[in-house]
Amino acid sequence: MKTDFQLLKTLKSRFYMQSIQTKMKLLIFSGVLIFSVTHLYGENSDEIFKKNCSSCHTIGGGRLVGSDLKGITSKRTEEWLLKWTKSSQTLIKSGDAEAKRISDEFGGLIMPDQLLSDNDIKSIFAYIASKGDNPSSASVTSAVSNTSDNATESDIQKGKFIFEGIQRLSNHGPACISCHNINYKGVLEGGLLAKDLTDVFSRMGGDAGLRGILGAPPFPAMTESYKYHPITDEEIGYIIAFLNKVDKDKENQKVSSFNPLLYGGGGGVVGLLIIYWLLWFGRKKYTVKKEIFNRQLESI
């Protein structure tokens, strides 16, 4: 009787453990399924457009940094739009006349390559098509006032400090001067990795264009740099106020052939090579044992 009771208890315990394991497997399977569905369908066309396109384009709001995209699907074929979105420069270099015309219209401003799947690109243009035709001929910047025109000297100064890296960004992103240069009195010469920003305020559409670009960077290097270190809205406002000041204050713009970062870096490399050379020729060329051995040989 006791043996039967122990057997029953053992079977019950095993059944309970198997039940728990089954529930855990179902829970894990459900989690994987939910994650897969979220990954596949988590972003709709609206979100993809806002994330990748809205910093430079509008749909019916007029020209921003790039053209107004309303009605674009009725003007271009799907094949052409895919090629242009993936790599506008490749399409231009292929000799496509329309791509060349658009590039010339925007002063050679390069549209960054979009690392999106064909389905994502198609969904973006399907979303644009759903907004209808007849794009606005007005410029967004002409309809939207530049709030940075009313910036105080304190705001402009804060923007200058943020640009130069004197004041760190709240989320610890890199300073603008790391990659960009501005030719302006009292501003340190900056990096040469990216374009000069002296006239970027007027070139990129004023407050509206710059706020879009800084809020959701469309350029690959900027996207990676600020992906986990976004610039806050307040900091964007200060930077734009500074860039507005620089762009409009032509008298204090300067052109300098001397870049302290470039020449300082080159000088630092040369200095290190000289130090290494001195250390190399001042090194001990032989071990102590070799000198003792040679003296022993001479004494024989």
Protein backbone atom coordinates (compact mmCIF):
# COMPACT_ATOMS: atom_id res chain seq x y z
CA MET A 1 0.00 0.00 0.00
CA LYS A 2 2.83 2.33 0.91
CA THR A 3 4.64 1.43 -2.30
CA ASP A 4 1.54 2.22 -4.36
CA PHE A 5 1.20 5.58 -2.62
CA GLN A 6 4.83 6.48 -3.34
CA LEU A 7 4.38 5.44 -7.00
CA LEU A 8 1.26 7.59 -7.28
CA LYS A 9 3.09 10.51 -5.70
CA THR A 10 6.00 10.11 -8.11
CA LEU A 11 3.69 9.98 -11.14
CA LYS A 12 1.83 13.05 -9.94
CA SER A 13 5.13 14.93 -9.47
CA ARG A 14 6.28 13.99 -12.98
CA PHE A 15 2.95 15.03 -14.47
CA TYR A 16 3.20 18.38 -12.67
CA MET A 17 6.74 19.00 -13.97
CA GLN A 18 5.72 18.05 -17.52
CA SER A 19 2.78 20.43 -17.25
CA ILE A 20 5.10 23.27 -16.20
CA GLN A 21 7.51 22.49 -19.05
CA THR A 22 4.64 22.46 -21.55
CA LYS A 23 3.42 25.84 -20.30
CA MET A 24 6.93 27.27 -20.50
CA LYS A 25 7.31 26.05 -24.09
CA LEU A 26 3.97 27.60 -25.02
CA LEU A 27 4.99 30.86 -23.36
CA ILE A 28 8.32 30.96 -25.21
CA PHE A 29 6.63 30.11 -28.51
CA SER A 30 4.07 32.86 -27.98
CA GLY A 31 6.83 35.36 -27.21
CA VAL A 32 8.74 34.43 -30.36
CA LEU A 33 5.57 34.69 -32.44
CA ILE A 34 4.66 38.10 -31.02
CA PHE A 35 8.22 39.36 -31.59
CA SER A 36 8.17 38.11 -35.20
CA VAL A 37 4.85 39.77 -35.94
CA THR A 38 6.00 43.01 -34.31
CA HIS A 39 9.25 42.90 -36.27
CA LEU A 40 7.44 42.35 -39.56
CA TYR A 41 4.54 44.70 -39.06
CA GLY A 42 5.65 46.99 -36.26
CA GLU A 43 6.31 49.94 -38.58
CA ASN A 44 3.60 51.07 -40.96
CA SER A 45 4.12 53.25 -44.02
CA ASP A 46 3.48 56.43 -42.08
CA GLU A 47 6.17 55.60 -39.51
CA ILE A 48 8.69 54.59 -42.18
CA PHE A 49 8.11 57.87 -44.01
CA LYS A 50 8.49 59.95 -40.84
CA LYS A 51 11.65 58.12 -39.84
CA ASN A 52 13.42 58.20 -43.21
CA CYS A 53 11.92 60.99 -45.32
CA SER A 54 10.17 63.69 -43.29
CA SER A 55 13.38 65.51 -42.33
CA CYS A 56 13.83 66.63 -45.98
CA HIS A 57 10.45 66.15 -47.67
CA THR A 58 6.78 66.98 -47.16
CA ILE A 59 3.66 65.53 -48.75
CA GLY A 60 1.68 68.54 -49.89
CA GLY A 61 3.39 71.00 -47.56
CA GLY A 62 5.70 72.53 -50.16
CA ARG A 63 9.41 72.30 -50.78
CA LEU A 64 11.62 71.75 -47.75
CA VAL A 65 15.25 70.59 -48.09
CA GLY A 66 14.08 68.34 -50.90
CA SER A 67 11.04 68.50 -53.14
CA ASP A 68 7.39 68.14 -52.15
CA LEU A 69 6.60 64.47 -52.80
CA LYS A 70 2.86 64.78 -53.26
CA GLY A 71 1.93 63.42 -56.69
CA ILE A 72 5.42 62.00 -57.31
CA THR A 73 4.04 58.50 -58.05
CA SER A 74 2.07 59.82 -61.01
CA LYS A 75 5.17 61.47 -62.49
CA ARG A 76 7.71 58.67 -62.07
CA THR A 77 7.61 54.92 -62.60
CA GLU A 78 8.01 52.57 -59.64
CA GLU A 79 11.29 51.25 -61.11
CA TRP A 80 12.71 54.80 -61.36
CA LEU A 81 11.62 55.68 -57.82
CA LEU A 82 13.27 52.53 -56.44
CA LYS A 83 16.56 53.35 -58.18
CA TRP A 84 16.50 57.00 -57.09
CA THR A 85 15.69 56.16 -53.47
CA LYS A 86 18.34 53.47 -53.16
CA SER A 87 21.13 55.52 -54.74
CA SER A 88 20.42 58.83 -56.44
CA GLN A 89 24.09 59.30 -57.33
CA THR A 90 24.26 55.96 -59.13
CA LEU A 91 21.21 56.94 -61.18
CA ILE A 92 22.71 60.36 -62.01
CA LYS A 93 26.03 58.83 -63.06
CA SER A 94 24.20 56.35 -65.28
CA GLY A 95 23.22 59.31 -67.47
CA ASP A 96 19.56 59.51 -66.50
CA ALA A 97 18.43 62.94 -67.74
CA GLU A 98 15.64 63.41 -65.19
CA ALA A 99 17.92 62.50 -62.27
CA LYS A 100 20.50 65.01 -63.55
CA ARG A 101 17.82 67.72 -63.88
CA ILE A 102 16.65 67.21 -60.29
CA SER A 103 20.23 67.31 -59.03
CA ASP A 104 20.87 70.59 -60.87
CA GLU A 105 17.60 72.06 -59.57
CA PHE A 106 18.75 71.51 -56.00
CA GLY A 107 22.27 72.80 -56.57
CA GLY A 108 23.91 69.39 -56.57
CA LEU A 109 22.68 68.62 -53.06
CA ILE A 110 23.15 64.88 -52.60
CA MET A 111 20.22 62.79 -51.45
CA PRO A 112 21.62 60.14 -49.09
CA ASP A 113 21.25 56.50 -50.14
CA GLN A 114 18.38 54.84 -48.29
CA LEU A 115 19.23 51.39 -46.94
CA LEU A 116 15.64 50.16 -47.14
CA SER A 117 14.14 47.02 -48.62
CA ASP A 118 12.16 47.20 -51.86
CA ASN A 119 8.97 46.49 -49.90
CA ASP A 120 9.64 49.38 -47.48
CA ILE A 121 10.31 51.78 -50.36
CA LYS A 122 7.16 50.64 -52.16
CA SER A 123 5.12 51.10 -48.99
CA ILE A 124 6.46 54.66 -48.65
CA PHE A 125 5.38 55.59 -52.16
CA ALA A 126 2.03 53.82 -51.69
CA TYR A 127 1.55 56.03 -48.63
CA ILE A 128 2.50 59.12 -50.67
CA ALA A 129 0.11 58.07 -53.46
CA SER A 130 -2.73 57.81 -50.93
CA LYS A 131 -2.37 61.57 -50.28
CA GLY A 132 -3.35 62.43 -53.86
CA ASP A 133 -1.73 64.61 -56.53
CA ASN A 134 -1.13 68.34 -57.10
CA PRO A 135 1.90 69.20 -54.90
CA SER A 136 2.17 72.67 -53.45
CA SER A 137 4.47 75.05 -55.31
CA ALA A 138 5.15 77.04 -52.14
CA SER A 139 8.24 76.66 -50.02
CA VAL A 140 7.70 75.55 -46.45
CA THR A 141 10.26 78.04 -45.26
CA SER A 142 8.32 80.90 -46.85
CA ALA A 143 5.15 79.86 -45.05
CA VAL A 144 6.74 79.01 -41.72
CA SER A 145 8.53 81.79 -39.88
CA ASN A 146 12.05 81.18 -38.64
CA THR A 147 11.77 81.33 -34.87
CA SER A 148 15.56 81.52 -34.64
CA ASP A 149 15.32 85.08 -36.01
CA ASN A 150 14.13 86.05 -32.53
CA ALA A 151 16.88 84.18 -30.68
CA THR A 152 18.71 86.03 -27.92
CA GLU A 153 22.48 86.47 -27.79
CA SER A 154 22.48 83.93 -24.97
CA ASP A 155 20.76 81.36 -27.20
CA ILE A 156 23.26 81.99 -30.02
CA GLN A 157 26.17 81.69 -27.62
CA LYS A 158 24.87 78.38 -26.28
CA GLY A 159 24.54 77.15 -29.86
CA LYS A 160 28.15 78.14 -30.54
CA PHE A 161 29.36 76.30 -27.43
CA ILE A 162 27.39 73.17 -28.42
CA PHE A 163 28.75 73.32 -31.98
CA GLU A 164 32.34 73.60 -30.75
CA GLY A 165 31.90 70.94 -28.07
CA ILE A 166 32.59 73.35 -25.22
CA GLN A 167 29.13 72.49 -23.91
CA ARG A 168 28.49 68.75 -24.09
CA LEU A 169 25.24 67.46 -25.53
CA SER A 170 22.83 66.09 -22.93
CA ASN A 171 22.85 62.59 -24.45
CA HIS A 172 26.62 62.64 -25.01
CA GLY A 173 26.57 62.74 -28.79
CA PRO A 174 29.61 64.03 -30.73
CA ALA A 175 30.10 67.76 -31.22
CA CYS A 176 29.28 69.20 -34.65
CA ILE A 177 32.83 70.52 -35.04
CA SER A 178 34.14 66.92 -35.08
CA CYS A 179 33.00 66.58 -38.70
CA HIS A 180 31.94 70.07 -39.85
CA ASN A 181 33.65 73.40 -40.34
CA ILE A 182 32.26 76.94 -40.15
CA ASN A 183 34.12 79.95 -41.57
CA TYR A 184 33.19 82.52 -38.97
CA LYS A 185 35.10 84.92 -36.75
CA GLY A 186 35.73 83.54 -33.28
CA VAL A 187 34.85 79.93 -34.19
CA LEU A 188 37.51 77.23 -34.19
CA GLU A 189 38.25 75.55 -37.50
CA GLY A 190 36.35 72.28 -37.64
CA GLY A 191 36.63 68.86 -39.21
CA LEU A 192 36.69 68.18 -42.95
CA LEU A 193 34.82 64.87 -42.92
CA ALA A 194 31.47 66.49 -43.83
CA LYS A 195 30.25 69.63 -45.63
CA ASP A 196 31.03 73.18 -44.53
CA LEU A 197 28.06 74.63 -42.60
CA THR A 198 28.71 78.37 -43.01
CA ASP A 199 25.62 78.86 -45.20
CA VAL A 200 23.69 75.76 -44.16
CA PHE A 201 20.79 77.75 -42.67
CA SER A 202 19.67 79.15 -46.03
CA ARG A 203 20.89 76.13 -47.99
CA MET A 204 18.90 73.59 -45.99
CA GLY A 205 15.61 75.41 -45.59
CA GLY A 206 16.00 77.50 -42.43
CA ASP A 207 14.42 76.45 -39.15
CA ALA A 208 12.09 73.86 -40.68
CA GLY A 209 14.78 72.08 -42.69
CA LEU A 210 17.46 72.08 -40.00
CA ARG A 211 15.07 71.01 -37.26
CA GLY A 212 14.01 68.08 -39.42
CA ILE A 213 17.61 67.07 -40.20
CA LEU A 214 18.88 67.41 -36.62
CA GLY A 215 15.81 65.72 -35.18
CA ALA A 216 15.96 62.74 -37.55
CA PRO A 217 19.35 62.76 -39.33
CA PRO A 218 19.00 61.35 -42.87
CA PHE A 219 22.73 61.07 -43.56
CA PRO A 220 24.36 57.68 -42.72
CA ALA A 221 27.24 59.07 -40.61
CA MET A 222 24.89 61.30 -38.60
CA THR A 223 22.33 58.53 -38.24
CA GLU A 224 24.90 56.23 -36.63
CA SER A 225 26.45 59.00 -34.49
CA TYR A 226 23.17 60.11 -32.96
CA LYS A 227 21.22 56.85 -33.10
CA TYR A 228 21.59 56.28 -29.37
CA HIS A 229 22.54 59.87 -28.51
CA PRO A 230 19.76 62.08 -29.93
CA ILE A 231 20.01 65.86 -29.74
CA THR A 232 17.26 67.37 -27.59
CA ASP A 233 14.74 69.87 -29.01
CA GLU A 234 16.19 72.62 -26.84
CA GLU A 235 19.73 71.92 -28.06
CA ILE A 236 18.52 71.85 -31.67
CA GLY A 237 17.01 75.30 -31.14
CA TYR A 238 20.32 76.69 -29.83
CA ILE A 239 22.30 75.18 -32.72
CA ILE A 240 19.88 76.57 -35.32
CA ALA A 241 20.02 80.02 -33.71
CA PHE A 242 23.81 79.96 -34.03
CA LEU A 243 23.76 78.72 -37.63
CA ASN A 244 21.20 81.41 -38.54
CA LYS A 245 23.49 84.07 -37.09
CA VAL A 246 26.53 82.74 -38.96
CA ASP A 247 24.69 82.51 -42.28
CA LYS A 248 23.34 86.07 -42.16
CA ASP A 249 26.37 87.79 -40.66
CA LYS A 250 28.38 87.96 -43.89
CA GLU A 251 30.79 90.59 -42.56
CA ASN A 252 32.23 88.23 -39.96
CA GLN A 253 32.50 85.23 -42.23
CA LYS A 254 36.10 84.42 -42.99
CA VAL A 255 37.97 82.19 -45.38
CA SER A 256 41.01 80.58 -43.86
CA SER A 257 43.49 78.19 -45.43
CA PHE A 258 44.84 77.27 -41.98
CA ASN A 259 42.98 74.51 -40.16
CA PRO A 260 44.40 73.97 -36.65
CA LEU A 261 42.78 70.55 -36.33
CA LEU A 262 44.29 69.33 -39.60
CA TYR A 263 47.73 70.81 -39.12
CA GLY A 264 47.72 70.11 -35.39
CA GLY A 265 46.95 66.45 -36.04
CA GLY A 266 49.67 66.25 -38.68
CA GLY A 267 52.15 67.98 -36.36
CA GLY A 268 51.25 65.57 -33.56
CA VAL A 269 51.97 62.57 -35.80
CA VAL A 270 55.34 64.03 -36.84
CA GLY A 271 56.18 64.76 -33.19
CA LEU A 272 55.40 61.19 -32.14
CA LEU A 273 57.54 59.80 -34.96
CA ILE A 274 60.48 61.95 -33.81
CA ILE A 275 60.06 60.74 -30.22
CA TYR A 276 59.92 57.10 -31.35
CA TRP A 277 63.05 57.67 -33.49
CA LEU A 278 64.97 59.12 -30.53
CA LEU A 279 63.89 56.29 -28.25
CA TRP A 280 64.85 53.73 -30.87
CA PHE A 281 68.38 55.03 -31.36
CA GLY A 282 68.85 55.59 -27.63
CA ARG A 283 67.90 52.03 -26.77
CA LYS A 284 70.27 49.50 -25.26
CA LYS A 285 71.48 47.57 -28.30
CA TYR A 286 73.03 44.61 -26.49
CA THR A 287 72.35 42.78 -23.27
CA VAL A 288 74.70 43.09 -20.27
CA LYS A 289 75.66 39.46 -20.64
CA LYS A 290 76.94 40.05 -24.18
CA GLU A 291 79.26 42.84 -22.94
CA ILE A 292 80.58 40.59 -20.16
CA PHE A 293 81.11 37.77 -22.65
CA ASN A 294 83.08 40.06 -25.00
CA ARG A 295 85.32 41.22 -22.11
CA GLN A 296 86.01 37.62 -21.20
CA LEU A 297 87.00 36.89 -24.77
CA GLU A 298 89.40 39.85 -24.83
CA SER A 299 91.06 38.76 -21.59
CA ILE A 300 91.92 35.34 -22.96
